[in-house]
Amino acid sequence: MKFRWLLLTLIFGVCVTAAKEEKEEIYEEDPDHLSRGWGSEIRWSSGYEPALIEMAANKKPLMVIHHKDDCPYSQALKKAFVEEESIMKMAQKDFIMVNVVEETGDPNMAPDGYYVPRILFVDPSLTVRADIKGQYSNHHYTYEPKDMELLAQNMEKAKNLLHDEL
């Protein structure tokens, strides 16, 4: 009887481990898992820290999008972001991109609080560009779908500041 339980436990353990490994492999091979719907044609960094390393190596500014999958404001911004051609083009060519659903742990990434959605820029000197803001006085780094022109202007500003200041 003990042998059967041991055998059953062993088989169950092997099955759970195999299923977990298969799920991880699929997740790693799926390029959309990093985009989370923000544009699969953009090369997304796997996290905030890897993005900082990549930014320093490539001398491009970093754009950090803080959002939640279940937030209707984040969902609306994501849809507008993907539909705006100029933003997508700059995101692909001129920026290191990362979108995060969990806080980064860097207090500099929340200069006016922890809310979503918010977008901040970091330059290769590791300076959070708190001076590049949206239009709202209560949440300086949030954008709404109607703010895509301002976001594009702020992306240009982040890109130009990089060349002017570094």
Protein backbone atom coordinates (compact mmCIF):
# COMPACT_ATOMS: atom_id res chain seq x y z
CA MET A 1 0.00 0.00 0.00
CA LYS A 2 2.82 2.41 0.87
CA PHE A 3 4.46 1.62 -2.46
CA ARG A 4 1.30 2.64 -4.35
CA TRP A 5 1.15 5.99 -2.54
CA LEU A 6 4.81 6.60 -3.17
CA LEU A 7 4.39 5.71 -6.84
CA LEU A 8 1.26 7.88 -7.15
CA THR A 9 3.00 10.82 -5.45
CA LEU A 10 6.02 10.44 -7.72
CA ILE A 11 3.89 10.34 -10.87
CA PHE A 12 1.87 13.37 -9.74
CA GLY A 13 5.06 15.30 -9.01
CA VAL A 14 6.52 14.51 -12.42
CA CYS A 15 3.29 15.57 -14.17
CA VAL A 16 3.10 18.88 -12.29
CA THR A 17 6.76 19.61 -13.02
CA ALA A 18 6.38 18.77 -16.71
CA ALA A 19 3.28 20.96 -17.03
CA LYS A 20 5.05 23.85 -15.32
CA GLU A 21 8.10 23.55 -17.60
CA GLU A 22 5.89 23.40 -20.71
CA LYS A 23 4.01 26.53 -19.61
CA GLU A 24 7.28 28.41 -18.99
CA GLU A 25 8.62 27.42 -22.42
CA ILE A 26 5.47 28.67 -24.14
CA TYR A 27 5.65 31.91 -22.17
CA GLU A 28 9.28 32.47 -23.14
CA GLU A 29 8.65 31.74 -26.82
CA ASP A 30 5.57 34.02 -27.05
CA PRO A 31 6.76 37.53 -28.01
CA ASP A 32 3.38 39.03 -27.04
CA HIS A 33 3.78 38.21 -23.36
CA LEU A 34 6.13 41.18 -22.86
CA SER A 35 3.99 43.59 -24.86
CA ARG A 36 0.87 42.83 -22.81
CA GLY A 37 -1.08 44.34 -25.70
CA TRP A 38 0.98 47.55 -25.98
CA GLY A 39 2.29 46.65 -29.45
CA SER A 40 3.86 43.33 -30.34
CA GLU A 41 6.00 44.97 -33.04
CA ILE A 42 7.87 46.90 -30.32
CA ARG A 43 10.89 45.24 -28.71
CA TRP A 44 9.93 45.16 -25.02
CA SER A 45 12.39 44.72 -22.19
CA SER A 46 11.62 41.93 -19.75
CA GLY A 47 11.62 44.22 -16.70
CA TYR A 48 12.71 47.52 -15.22
CA GLU A 49 16.24 46.49 -14.20
CA PRO A 50 17.04 44.78 -17.53
CA ALA A 51 15.69 47.89 -19.29
CA LEU A 52 18.09 50.12 -17.33
CA ILE A 53 21.02 47.96 -18.40
CA GLU A 54 19.83 47.92 -22.02
CA MET A 55 19.31 51.69 -21.94
CA ALA A 56 22.86 52.34 -20.74
CA ALA A 57 24.29 50.00 -23.35
CA ASN A 58 22.28 51.47 -26.25
CA LYS A 59 22.32 55.14 -25.20
CA LYS A 60 18.58 55.47 -25.79
CA PRO A 61 16.03 56.91 -23.39
CA LEU A 62 13.80 54.50 -21.49
CA MET A 63 10.02 54.81 -21.54
CA VAL A 64 8.34 53.13 -18.56
CA ILE A 65 4.61 52.47 -18.78
CA HIS A 66 2.98 51.63 -15.44
CA HIS A 67 -0.42 49.99 -15.87
CA LYS A 68 -2.75 47.29 -14.59
CA ASP A 69 -4.40 44.66 -16.76
CA ASP A 70 -7.75 45.12 -15.04
CA CYS A 71 -7.75 48.94 -15.04
CA PRO A 72 -10.19 50.45 -17.56
CA TYR A 73 -8.07 53.63 -17.83
CA SER A 74 -4.98 51.54 -18.60
CA GLN A 75 -6.93 49.56 -21.20
CA ALA A 76 -8.19 52.73 -22.91
CA LEU A 77 -4.68 54.23 -22.96
CA LYS A 78 -3.23 51.00 -24.35
CA LYS A 79 -5.73 51.02 -27.22
CA ALA A 80 -4.98 54.66 -28.10
CA PHE A 81 -1.22 54.08 -27.77
CA VAL A 82 -1.25 51.18 -30.24
CA GLU A 83 -3.40 53.09 -32.73
CA GLU A 84 -1.11 56.16 -32.83
CA GLU A 85 1.38 55.60 -35.66
CA SER A 86 3.91 58.27 -34.64
CA ILE A 87 4.10 56.91 -31.09
CA MET A 88 4.54 53.35 -32.29
CA LYS A 89 7.28 54.40 -34.72
CA MET A 90 9.24 56.28 -32.04
CA ALA A 91 8.74 53.46 -29.52
CA GLN A 92 10.19 50.98 -32.02
CA LYS A 93 13.12 53.09 -33.14
CA ASP A 94 14.14 55.60 -30.48
CA PHE A 95 13.38 54.13 -27.05
CA ILE A 96 14.05 51.23 -24.79
CA MET A 97 10.54 50.19 -23.82
CA VAL A 98 9.17 48.48 -20.73
CA ASN A 99 5.65 48.15 -19.41
CA VAL A 100 5.14 47.05 -15.84
CA VAL A 101 2.08 45.89 -13.94
CA GLU A 102 3.91 45.81 -10.61
CA GLU A 103 5.78 48.70 -9.07
CA THR A 104 9.48 48.79 -9.87
CA GLY A 105 10.66 49.36 -6.31
CA ASP A 106 12.39 52.56 -7.45
CA PRO A 107 10.78 55.49 -5.56
CA ASN A 108 11.98 57.82 -8.34
CA MET A 109 9.44 56.17 -10.63
CA ALA A 110 6.59 57.59 -8.54
CA PRO A 111 7.45 61.29 -8.15
CA ASP A 112 3.82 62.22 -7.47
CA GLY A 113 2.43 58.92 -6.25
CA TYR A 114 1.64 55.35 -7.15
CA TYR A 115 -1.22 55.34 -9.64
CA VAL A 116 -1.92 53.86 -13.05
CA PRO A 117 -1.64 54.49 -15.83
CA ARG A 118 1.48 56.64 -15.72
CA ILE A 119 4.36 57.04 -18.14
CA LEU A 120 7.81 58.25 -17.19
CA PHE A 121 11.05 58.67 -19.10
CA VAL A 122 14.58 57.87 -17.91
CA ASP A 123 17.70 59.04 -19.71
CA PRO A 124 20.89 56.95 -20.04
CA SER A 125 22.48 58.85 -17.15
CA LEU A 126 19.78 57.12 -15.04
CA THR A 127 17.93 60.39 -14.45
CA VAL A 128 14.17 60.06 -14.21
CA ARG A 129 12.88 62.92 -16.34
CA ALA A 130 10.32 64.23 -13.85
CA ASP A 131 10.20 67.41 -15.94
CA ILE A 132 8.44 65.60 -18.81
CA LYS A 133 4.82 65.60 -17.69
CA GLY A 134 1.32 65.12 -18.97
CA GLN A 135 -1.33 67.81 -18.62
CA TYR A 136 -2.98 66.88 -15.33
CA SER A 137 -2.16 68.71 -12.11
CA ASN A 138 -3.23 65.88 -9.80
CA HIS A 139 -1.43 63.08 -11.70
CA HIS A 140 1.46 64.61 -13.63
CA TYR A 141 2.48 61.47 -15.52
CA THR A 142 -0.87 60.11 -16.62
CA TYR A 143 -2.21 60.28 -20.13
CA GLU A 144 -5.70 59.68 -21.46
CA PRO A 145 -6.56 58.45 -24.96
CA LYS A 146 -7.16 62.06 -26.07
CA ASP A 147 -3.58 62.96 -25.01
CA MET A 148 -1.70 61.00 -27.67
CA GLU A 149 -0.46 64.17 -29.37
CA LEU A 150 0.99 65.36 -26.06
CA LEU A 151 2.55 61.96 -25.43
CA ALA A 152 4.17 62.06 -28.88
CA GLN A 153 5.51 65.56 -28.12
CA ASN A 154 6.88 64.34 -24.79
CA MET A 155 8.54 61.39 -26.50
CA GLU A 156 10.17 63.86 -28.92
CA LYS A 157 11.25 65.96 -25.94
CA ALA A 158 12.79 62.93 -24.19
CA LYS A 159 14.58 61.97 -27.37
CA ASN A 160 15.85 65.51 -28.02
CA LEU A 161 16.93 66.08 -24.41
CA LEU A 162 19.06 63.00 -24.74
CA HIS A 163 20.98 64.46 -27.67
CA ASP A 164 21.17 67.97 -26.21
CA GLU A 165 22.21 67.08 -22.67
CA LEU A 166 24.40 63.99 -22.97
